[in-house]
Amino acid sequence: MTYSINPFRTASENIRARVLGFDVYRIPSRSMEPTLVPGDFIYMSASGYDRETMLPNDVLVFLYPDARKTHYIKRLIAKGGDRVRIENFIVYVNDKPLPQMYINTTRLKKPFSRFMQEVQVPNGHLFLLGDNRDNSNDSRFFGFLPERQVVGEAMSLIFGKNGRTGNAIE
């Protein structure tokens, strides 16, 4: 059932996100390790989150481009108009290295995690990457994400493994 009320202009059809401005998700995969691990429960905010407030390194929940009912979570790297490339595991946005304290390059082995040719993000779109670059289906594979498919920003761990409950997602 789709709710016509949507004051937060979220892409989600869930009543919590559309009417109350938040939702709760369980992390099913390893694509965001070490930041998020399978079994973590996160709090996602749809309220007050739009293109103007999106910043690189925000962790976003969005509708997967090829299956609009499936929610994905990845890290925002660049917005429309930005240029992105990867050289020796370092992500460059508009020729400046993006701080990535959450990446452990010693664990990365795949060539697509080491290098990516420069691309320019089209206006109205986003470029997203998973923190576990070797095991993430992200913009390198599914392409640029239309901004309108963003559900909201992952804010905190409601229940996190290894004593991380209550931590902000950074």
Protein backbone atom coordinates (compact mmCIF):
# COMPACT_ATOMS: atom_id res chain seq x y z
CA MET A 1 0.00 0.00 0.00
CA THR A 2 1.35 3.42 -0.94
CA TYR A 3 0.63 6.38 1.31
CA SER A 4 -0.08 9.64 -0.49
CA ILE A 5 1.04 11.68 2.53
CA ASN A 6 4.76 12.39 2.12
CA PRO A 7 5.82 15.63 3.85
CA PHE A 8 9.48 14.51 3.90
CA ARG A 9 9.55 13.80 0.13
CA THR A 10 11.24 10.46 0.70
CA ALA A 11 11.43 7.76 -1.97
CA SER A 12 10.24 5.17 0.54
CA GLU A 13 6.68 3.86 0.47
CA ASN A 14 6.90 2.88 4.15
CA ILE A 15 4.54 4.82 6.44
CA ARG A 16 7.25 5.43 9.06
CA ALA A 17 9.52 7.18 6.56
CA ARG A 18 6.77 9.03 4.70
CA VAL A 19 4.66 10.24 7.63
CA LEU A 20 6.97 10.13 10.66
CA GLY A 21 10.28 10.90 8.93
CA PHE A 22 12.27 7.87 10.11
CA ASP A 23 12.63 4.14 9.59
CA VAL A 24 14.60 1.22 11.01
CA TYR A 25 16.61 -1.21 8.89
CA ARG A 26 18.57 -4.39 9.52
CA ILE A 27 21.88 -4.64 7.64
CA PRO A 28 21.84 -7.88 5.58
CA SER A 29 25.27 -7.81 3.88
CA ARG A 30 28.98 -7.08 4.32
CA SER A 31 29.07 -4.24 1.76
CA MET A 32 29.45 -1.51 4.41
CA GLU A 33 31.98 -3.24 6.69
CA PRO A 34 33.60 -2.15 8.93
CA THR A 35 31.11 0.72 9.48
CA LEU A 36 28.04 -1.57 9.44
CA VAL A 37 28.03 -5.35 9.78
CA PRO A 38 25.36 -7.95 9.03
CA GLY A 39 22.77 -7.96 11.80
CA ASP A 40 23.18 -4.30 12.80
CA PHE A 41 19.93 -2.35 13.18
CA ILE A 42 20.10 1.29 12.12
CA TYR A 43 17.97 4.39 12.54
CA MET A 44 17.42 6.27 9.27
CA SER A 45 16.13 9.85 9.13
CA ALA A 46 14.11 11.11 6.17
CA SER A 47 13.23 14.40 7.85
CA GLY A 48 15.20 17.45 6.83
CA TYR A 49 17.41 15.53 4.42
CA ASP A 50 17.59 16.74 0.82
CA ARG A 51 20.08 17.69 -1.88
CA GLU A 52 21.19 20.84 -0.08
CA THR A 53 22.07 18.95 3.10
CA MET A 54 23.79 15.95 1.42
CA LEU A 55 27.53 15.87 2.05
CA PRO A 56 30.28 13.52 0.87
CA ASN A 57 30.72 10.60 3.29
CA ASP A 58 27.06 10.66 4.40
CA VAL A 59 25.66 7.13 4.60
CA LEU A 60 22.42 6.99 2.59
CA VAL A 61 19.52 4.58 2.35
CA PHE A 62 18.07 4.52 -1.17
CA LEU A 63 15.95 2.50 -3.56
CA TYR A 64 18.10 0.20 -5.70
CA PRO A 65 17.89 1.40 -9.34
CA ASP A 66 16.98 -1.99 -10.85
CA ALA A 67 14.54 -3.10 -8.11
CA ARG A 68 12.75 -0.05 -6.74
CA LYS A 69 11.28 -2.01 -3.81
CA THR A 70 14.75 -2.98 -2.50
CA HIS A 71 16.49 -0.64 -0.07
CA TYR A 72 20.29 -0.31 -0.26
CA ILE A 73 22.76 1.52 1.93
CA LYS A 74 25.98 3.10 0.66
CA ARG A 75 28.22 6.09 1.28
CA LEU A 76 27.73 9.28 -0.74
CA ILE A 77 30.90 10.14 -2.61
CA ALA A 78 29.85 12.83 -5.10
CA LYS A 79 26.85 14.82 -6.34
CA GLY A 80 25.83 16.12 -9.76
CA GLY A 81 28.59 18.05 -11.52
CA ASP A 82 31.41 16.44 -9.51
CA ARG A 83 34.20 14.38 -11.10
CA VAL A 84 35.22 11.12 -9.40
CA ARG A 85 38.15 8.75 -9.87
CA ILE A 86 40.02 6.12 -7.83
CA GLU A 87 43.82 5.85 -7.84
CA ASN A 88 45.64 3.43 -5.50
CA PHE A 89 42.51 3.03 -3.36
CA ILE A 90 42.23 6.81 -2.88
CA VAL A 91 38.97 8.38 -4.08
CA TYR A 92 39.38 11.80 -5.68
CA VAL A 93 36.45 14.18 -6.04
CA ASN A 94 37.21 17.15 -8.28
CA ASP A 95 40.94 16.26 -8.03
CA LYS A 96 40.93 16.39 -4.21
CA PRO A 97 41.39 13.23 -2.11
CA LEU A 98 38.28 12.32 -0.11
CA PRO A 99 39.07 11.51 3.55
CA GLN A 100 38.16 7.83 4.09
CA MET A 101 39.14 6.84 7.64
CA TYR A 102 36.68 3.94 7.40
CA ILE A 103 38.64 2.14 4.63
CA ASN A 104 41.25 -0.52 5.40
CA THR A 105 43.27 -0.67 2.17
CA THR A 106 45.26 -3.72 3.31
CA ARG A 107 42.09 -5.82 2.93
CA LEU A 108 41.36 -4.60 -0.61
CA LYS A 109 42.54 -6.89 -3.39
CA LYS A 110 40.29 -6.36 -6.44
CA PRO A 111 41.49 -4.12 -9.29
CA PHE A 112 38.18 -2.19 -9.34
CA SER A 113 38.86 -1.14 -5.73
CA ARG A 114 42.31 0.16 -6.66
CA PHE A 115 41.55 2.09 -9.87
CA MET A 116 38.58 3.65 -11.61
CA GLN A 117 38.71 6.04 -14.55
CA GLU A 118 37.35 9.51 -13.94
CA VAL A 119 33.62 9.96 -14.45
CA GLN A 120 31.46 13.06 -14.15
CA VAL A 121 28.27 12.72 -12.15
CA PRO A 122 25.27 14.05 -14.11
CA ASN A 123 23.14 16.76 -12.51
CA GLY A 124 20.35 15.30 -10.37
CA HIS A 125 22.36 12.14 -9.69
CA LEU A 126 24.71 10.76 -7.01
CA PHE A 127 27.79 8.53 -6.97
CA LEU A 128 27.83 6.06 -4.04
CA LEU A 129 30.34 3.47 -2.81
CA GLY A 130 30.23 0.77 -0.16
CA ASP A 131 32.90 0.83 2.55
CA ASN A 132 33.85 -2.78 1.78
CA ARG A 133 34.95 -1.85 -1.72
CA ASP A 134 35.83 -5.41 -2.81
CA ASN A 135 32.35 -6.68 -1.89
CA SER A 136 29.96 -3.89 -2.73
CA ASN A 137 27.42 -3.47 -5.53
CA ASP A 138 27.61 0.31 -5.86
CA SER A 139 27.80 3.09 -8.46
CA ARG A 140 30.82 1.44 -10.09
CA PHE A 141 28.40 -1.29 -11.18
CA PHE A 142 24.82 0.06 -11.19
CA GLY A 143 25.77 3.57 -12.30
CA PHE A 144 24.66 6.94 -11.02
CA LEU A 145 21.71 7.08 -8.64
CA PRO A 146 18.91 9.58 -9.32
CA GLU A 147 18.60 11.87 -6.26
CA ARG A 148 14.84 11.23 -6.13
CA GLN A 149 15.56 7.60 -5.09
CA VAL A 150 17.15 8.63 -1.77
CA VAL A 151 15.09 7.50 1.21
CA GLY A 152 17.18 9.21 3.91
CA GLU A 153 20.40 9.32 5.90
CA ALA A 154 21.56 6.53 8.21
CA MET A 155 22.07 8.27 11.54
CA SER A 156 22.84 5.78 14.31
CA LEU A 157 23.05 2.17 15.37
CA ILE A 158 19.99 1.12 17.33
CA PHE A 159 21.55 -2.27 17.95
CA GLY A 160 25.10 -2.86 16.80
CA LYS A 161 27.30 -5.85 17.26
CA ASN A 162 30.54 -5.64 19.25
CA GLY A 163 29.29 -3.00 21.72
CA ARG A 164 28.58 -0.35 19.09
CA THR A 165 24.91 0.18 20.07
CA GLY A 166 23.97 3.86 20.11
CA ASN A 167 26.96 4.98 18.05
CA ALA A 168 26.52 7.60 15.34
CA ILE A 169 27.12 6.30 11.82
CA GLU A 170 30.13 8.11 10.38
